[in-house]
Protein backbone atom coordinates (compact mmCIF):
# COMPACT_ATOMS: atom_id res chain seq x y z
CA MET A 1 -48.60 286.38 160.98
CA GLN A 2 -49.60 285.97 157.31
CA ARG A 3 -53.12 284.47 157.85
CA ASP A 4 -54.18 284.28 154.15
CA GLN A 5 -50.81 282.79 153.06
CA LEU A 6 -50.87 280.34 156.06
CA ALA A 7 -54.49 279.29 155.26
CA ASP A 8 -53.60 278.60 151.60
CA PHE A 9 -50.37 276.73 152.44
CA LEU A 10 -52.15 274.52 154.90
CA ARG A 11 -54.98 273.72 152.61
CA ARG A 12 -52.81 272.92 149.66
CA ARG A 13 -50.61 270.62 151.70
CA ARG A 14 -53.60 268.74 153.07
CA GLU A 15 -55.13 268.30 149.72
CA GLY A 16 -51.69 267.07 148.34
CA ILE A 17 -51.38 264.13 150.78
CA ARG A 18 -52.79 260.65 149.89
CA PRO A 19 -54.50 258.92 152.84
CA ALA A 20 -52.23 255.90 152.48
CA GLU A 21 -49.15 258.05 153.11
CA VAL A 22 -50.33 258.51 156.69
CA GLY A 23 -51.69 255.05 157.22
CA LEU A 24 -55.30 255.81 156.42
CA ALA A 25 -57.57 253.87 154.13
CA ASP A 26 -59.00 255.73 150.97
CA GLY A 27 -62.53 254.29 151.46
CA PRO A 28 -65.18 254.06 148.80
CA ARG A 29 -66.86 257.41 149.71
CA ARG A 30 -63.80 259.58 149.53
CA ARG A 31 -64.47 262.54 147.22
CA THR A 32 -61.05 264.05 147.37
CA THR A 33 -57.56 262.58 146.92
CA GLY A 34 -56.18 264.51 149.87
CA LEU A 35 -56.84 264.30 153.60
CA ARG A 36 -60.12 265.49 155.28
CA ARG A 37 -59.90 268.26 157.84
CA GLU A 38 -61.03 265.85 160.55
CA GLU A 39 -58.14 263.47 159.60
CA VAL A 40 -55.59 266.30 159.92
CA ALA A 41 -57.09 267.22 163.26
CA MET A 42 -56.83 263.63 164.46
CA LEU A 43 -53.16 263.19 163.24
CA ALA A 44 -52.24 266.52 164.82
CA GLY A 45 -54.12 266.07 168.08
CA MET A 46 -56.23 269.30 167.76
CA SER A 47 -59.85 270.15 167.19
CA VAL A 48 -61.46 270.02 163.81
CA ASP A 49 -62.87 273.54 164.39
CA TYR A 50 -59.25 274.94 164.78
CA VAL A 51 -58.15 273.23 161.58
CA VAL A 52 -61.11 274.88 159.86
CA ARG A 53 -60.41 278.29 161.26
CA LEU A 54 -56.66 278.03 160.30
CA GLU A 55 -57.54 277.16 156.69
CA GLN A 56 -60.14 280.00 156.50
CA GLY A 57 -57.69 282.59 157.87
CA ARG A 58 -59.79 283.15 161.04
CA SER A 59 -57.52 281.69 163.71
CA SER A 60 -55.40 283.27 166.42
CA GLN A 61 -51.68 282.78 166.01
CA PRO A 62 -50.89 279.05 166.50
CA SER A 63 -48.18 278.06 169.04
CA THR A 64 -44.99 276.45 168.06
CA GLN A 65 -46.22 273.25 169.53
CA LEU A 66 -49.31 273.25 167.27
CA LEU A 67 -47.17 274.10 164.31
CA GLY A 68 -44.94 271.16 165.07
CA ALA A 69 -47.96 268.93 165.33
CA LEU A 70 -49.30 270.15 162.00
CA ALA A 71 -45.87 269.69 160.40
CA ARG A 72 -45.79 266.07 161.50
CA ALA A 73 -49.40 265.47 160.50
CA LEU A 74 -48.82 266.92 156.99
CA ARG A 75 -45.43 265.20 156.50
CA LEU A 76 -43.78 268.50 155.65
CA SER A 77 -40.23 268.68 154.51
CA ASP A 78 -37.64 270.62 156.49
CA ASP A 79 -37.99 273.52 154.01
CA GLU A 80 -41.85 273.33 154.22
CA ARG A 81 -41.76 273.28 158.02
CA GLU A 82 -39.52 276.48 158.16
CA HIS A 83 -41.93 278.09 155.70
CA LEU A 84 -44.89 277.11 157.95
CA PHE A 85 -43.25 278.81 160.89
CA HIS A 86 -42.52 282.02 159.10
CA LEU A 87 -46.12 282.24 157.74
CA ALA A 88 -47.39 281.85 161.40
CA GLY A 89 -45.15 284.60 162.57
CA HIS A 90 -42.67 282.51 164.51
CA ARG A 91 -39.00 281.89 163.98
CA PRO A 92 -38.33 278.39 162.70
CA GLN A 93 -37.42 275.87 165.37
CA PRO A 94 -33.79 276.38 166.40
CA ALA A 95 -31.24 273.65 165.86
CA ASP A 96 -30.11 273.66 169.48
CA GLY A 97 -32.27 270.77 170.31
CA VAL A 98 -34.52 272.63 172.84
CA THR A 99 -37.68 272.46 170.61
CA ARG A 100 -36.26 270.66 167.53
CA LEU A 101 -38.59 268.40 165.67
CA ALA A 102 -37.77 265.03 164.20
CA ARG A 103 -37.04 265.25 160.42
CA ALA A 104 -39.97 264.47 158.24
CA GLY A 105 -38.06 261.73 156.43
CA LEU A 106 -37.22 260.02 159.68
CA ILE A 107 -40.79 260.17 160.79
CA ARG A 108 -41.87 258.36 157.64
CA MET A 109 -39.24 255.73 158.21
CA LEU A 110 -40.62 255.28 161.86
CA GLU A 111 -44.11 254.57 160.28
CA LEU A 112 -42.78 252.11 157.78
CA LEU A 113 -40.98 250.11 160.35
CA GLY A 114 -44.36 249.17 161.83
CA ASP A 115 -44.03 246.62 164.70
CA THR A 116 -40.27 247.06 164.79
CA PRO A 117 -39.38 249.42 167.73
CA ALA A 118 -37.66 252.66 166.43
CA LEU A 119 -36.87 256.12 167.77
CA VAL A 120 -35.53 259.34 166.44
CA LEU A 121 -33.06 261.14 168.66
CA SER A 122 -30.89 264.23 168.50
CA ASP A 123 -27.12 263.97 168.75
CA LEU A 124 -27.41 264.78 172.48
CA GLY A 125 -29.85 261.97 173.04
CA GLU A 126 -33.15 263.76 173.12
CA ILE A 127 -35.93 261.43 172.04
CA LEU A 128 -37.78 263.41 169.31
CA ALA A 129 -40.18 260.79 168.09
CA GLN A 130 -41.11 257.13 168.75
CA ASN A 131 -43.31 254.70 166.91
CA ARG A 132 -45.94 252.70 168.72
CA ALA A 133 -43.76 249.64 169.20
CA ALA A 134 -40.95 251.76 170.72
CA VAL A 135 -43.45 253.34 173.18
CA LEU A 136 -44.52 249.89 174.22
CA LEU A 137 -41.01 248.88 174.72
CA THR A 138 -39.59 251.94 176.61
CA GLY A 139 -42.59 254.19 177.51
CA ASP A 140 -43.19 257.58 176.02
CA HIS A 141 -40.13 259.76 176.47
CA THR A 142 -40.99 262.54 174.08
CA GLY A 143 -42.06 265.89 175.14
CA LEU A 144 -39.80 266.17 178.27
CA SER A 145 -38.34 269.53 179.30
CA GLY A 146 -35.17 270.82 180.84
CA ASP A 147 -32.31 268.52 181.42
CA ARG A 148 -34.74 265.52 181.62
CA ARG A 149 -35.05 265.53 177.83
CA TYR A 150 -31.41 264.23 177.67
CA VAL A 151 -31.33 260.55 178.26
CA VAL A 152 -27.75 260.81 179.46
CA HIS A 153 -28.67 263.29 182.04
CA ARG A 154 -31.46 261.06 183.38
CA TRP A 155 -29.12 258.07 183.43
CA PHE A 156 -26.66 259.81 185.68
CA THR A 157 -29.09 261.60 187.98
CA GLU A 158 -32.24 259.42 188.33
CA PRO A 159 -31.50 256.01 189.88
CA ALA A 160 -34.69 254.56 188.37
CA MET A 161 -33.10 254.76 184.96
CA ARG A 162 -30.36 252.22 185.89
CA ALA A 163 -32.80 249.94 187.77
CA VAL A 164 -34.19 248.66 184.48
CA CYS A 165 -30.70 247.71 183.19
CA PRO A 166 -29.04 244.50 184.36
CA PRO A 167 -26.43 245.26 187.07
CA GLU A 168 -23.63 243.59 185.06
CA GLU A 169 -24.33 245.95 182.11
CA GLN A 170 -24.56 249.27 183.90
CA GLU A 171 -20.92 250.28 183.84
CA HIS A 172 -20.68 249.43 180.17
CA ARG A 173 -23.95 251.45 179.38
CA ALA A 174 -22.58 254.46 181.38
CA ARG A 175 -19.39 254.43 179.48
CA GLN A 176 -21.31 254.28 176.15
CA PHE A 177 -23.28 257.35 177.07
CA VAL A 178 -20.24 259.35 178.05
CA ALA A 179 -18.29 258.36 175.09
CA ASP A 180 -21.10 259.23 172.79
CA LEU A 181 -21.52 262.76 174.48
CA ARG A 182 -17.73 263.22 174.18
CA ALA A 183 -17.98 262.62 170.41
CA THR A 184 -20.84 265.22 169.99
CA ALA A 185 -18.78 267.71 172.04
CA GLY A 186 -15.92 267.15 169.67
CA ARG A 187 -18.26 267.91 166.73
CA ARG A 188 -19.78 270.93 168.27
CA PRO A 189 -16.81 272.79 169.89
CA GLY A 190 -17.83 275.99 171.79
CA ASP A 191 -21.65 275.03 171.56
CA PRO A 192 -23.12 276.41 174.62
CA GLU A 193 -25.88 273.76 174.83
CA VAL A 194 -23.32 270.88 174.86
CA ALA A 195 -20.83 272.65 177.19
CA GLY A 196 -23.78 273.44 179.52
CA LEU A 197 -24.99 269.89 179.63
CA VAL A 198 -21.48 268.70 180.37
CA ASP A 199 -21.00 271.18 183.11
CA ARG A 200 -24.27 270.32 184.79
CA LEU A 201 -23.56 266.59 184.64
CA ARG A 202 -20.09 267.04 186.10
CA ALA A 203 -21.60 269.03 188.96
CA ALA A 204 -24.33 266.53 189.62
CA SER A 205 -22.71 263.12 189.22
CA ALA A 206 -19.26 261.90 190.51
CA ASP A 207 -19.78 258.80 188.26
CA PHE A 208 -19.97 261.12 185.19
CA ARG A 209 -16.98 263.17 186.32
CA ARG A 210 -14.91 259.94 186.60
CA LEU A 211 -15.91 258.68 183.14
CA TRP A 212 -15.67 262.12 181.40
CA ALA A 213 -12.03 262.40 182.74
CA GLU A 214 -11.11 259.20 180.79
CA HIS A 215 -11.81 260.95 177.49
CA GLU A 216 -13.28 257.90 175.74
CA VAL A 217 -14.96 258.62 172.34
CA ALA A 218 -17.33 256.48 170.43
CA VAL A 219 -20.49 257.00 168.41
CA ARG A 220 -22.69 254.11 168.95
CA ARG A 221 -23.99 252.60 165.66
CA ILE A 222 -24.34 248.89 166.27
CA ASP A 223 -24.96 247.53 169.85
CA ARG A 224 -26.72 244.68 171.70
CA LYS A 225 -28.26 245.25 175.04
CA THR A 226 -30.47 243.51 177.54
CA LEU A 227 -33.73 245.39 178.60
CA LEU A 228 -35.62 244.27 181.72
CA HIS A 229 -39.23 245.05 180.82
CA ALA A 230 -41.85 245.33 183.67
CA ARG A 231 -44.50 243.36 181.70
CA VAL A 232 -42.72 240.77 179.53
CA GLY A 233 -39.38 240.28 181.30
CA ARG A 234 -35.85 240.08 179.85
CA LEU A 235 -35.30 241.18 176.30
CA LEU A 236 -32.05 240.84 174.30
CA MET A 237 -32.16 243.51 171.62
CA ASN A 238 -29.91 244.34 168.67
CA CYS A 239 -29.58 248.18 168.18
CA GLU A 240 -28.83 249.59 164.77
CA THR A 241 -28.32 253.38 164.54
CA LEU A 242 -28.54 255.30 161.23
CA VAL A 243 -27.09 258.89 161.40
CA THR A 244 -28.14 261.70 159.20
CA PRO A 245 -25.47 263.38 156.99
CA ASP A 246 -25.07 266.31 159.36
CA GLU A 247 -24.96 263.95 162.30
CA GLY A 248 -27.64 266.04 163.95
CA GLN A 249 -30.37 263.29 164.24
CA ARG A 250 -30.25 259.57 164.41
CA LEU A 251 -32.73 256.77 163.75
CA LEU A 252 -32.47 253.86 166.22
CA VAL A 253 -33.95 250.51 165.34
CA LEU A 254 -34.22 247.70 167.74
CA THR A 255 -34.68 244.13 166.75
CA PRO A 256 -34.90 240.85 168.75
CA ALA A 257 -31.58 239.09 169.07
CA ASP A 258 -33.12 235.70 169.76
CA ALA A 259 -36.19 233.67 169.36
CA GLU A 260 -37.35 234.10 173.03
CA THR A 261 -37.03 237.92 172.81
CA ARG A 262 -39.05 237.77 169.52
CA GLU A 263 -41.86 235.91 171.23
CA ARG A 264 -41.90 238.34 174.24
CA LEU A 265 -41.93 241.36 171.93
CA GLU A 266 -44.72 239.96 169.91
CA LEU A 267 -46.65 239.39 173.23
CA LEU A 268 -45.99 243.00 174.21
CA LEU A 269 -47.36 244.23 170.95
CA VAL A 270 -50.53 242.23 171.48
CA LEU A 271 -50.89 243.39 175.15
CA GLY A 272 -50.91 247.06 173.93
CA ILE A 273 -50.29 250.28 175.86
CA GLU A 274 -51.07 250.71 179.45
CA GLU A 275 -50.95 254.16 181.02
CA PHE A 276 -47.21 255.03 181.35
CA PRO A 277 -46.37 258.36 183.12
CA THR A 278 -44.45 260.63 180.73
CA GLY A 279 -40.78 259.85 180.82
CA ALA A 280 -41.32 256.80 183.22
CA PRO A 281 -38.48 254.33 182.84
CA VAL A 282 -40.44 251.39 181.69
CA ASN A 283 -37.26 250.60 179.99
CA GLU A 284 -34.20 252.83 179.58
CA PRO A 285 -34.37 254.44 176.21
CA THR A 286 -31.19 253.76 174.13
CA THR A 287 -29.18 256.38 172.45
């Protein structure tokens, strides 16, 4: 761990961010153009004391989870995030999806979308980041571990996931999940993460085995689906998916498809967040 270099890097990145870039007001009493330490602590979900110790080179080695939170709070680019991990004595986050972070540019787009629900997903359907509107719509599905982090795995192994989808759409939705996974498997031949997920799904679900055998392939980019929300009822949403050039991550944007849905979504935004268990299917997240 390169404590002095890490401290200097974090301090300079903090000082180089304008408050408006992270949704904070400048305020008349601000003496610096950058962020305050307490603001970084708030954005990263850690104590101010720890941020101070990091910037003074007095901290213990930060975990990869803390580094990920700092990278998001400081809006680091992919290269800067990799440098941060090296300075802290960790290998950069692998590209196998297990601990991958949403790209900094996609995080910024989430924030710019405001009250429009949006999510960042990996090509295997891990939800890497959600904005507030998406959390209200689907619940918080970030931070899951094991096979539960894959939406497709939960769809075929947890009945509660299907219960929030209208019965008449469930077969179509299942086919979409499998066709999308088949496309990813084609792009990543021999990848043990993809092959392992497919093998576990085939062992766990006869429904998945049936659909996988049909060899349908399709990357979902435009879709319309009905969501049954526990608080505001039936929502008809248009789903637009933007794919990164390497096809490793996706930005999913959901917009109301009719006036009634728009009104119900506006009501949901006003109601705010109740306590949803992590990964609870308030609505089935879309991939």
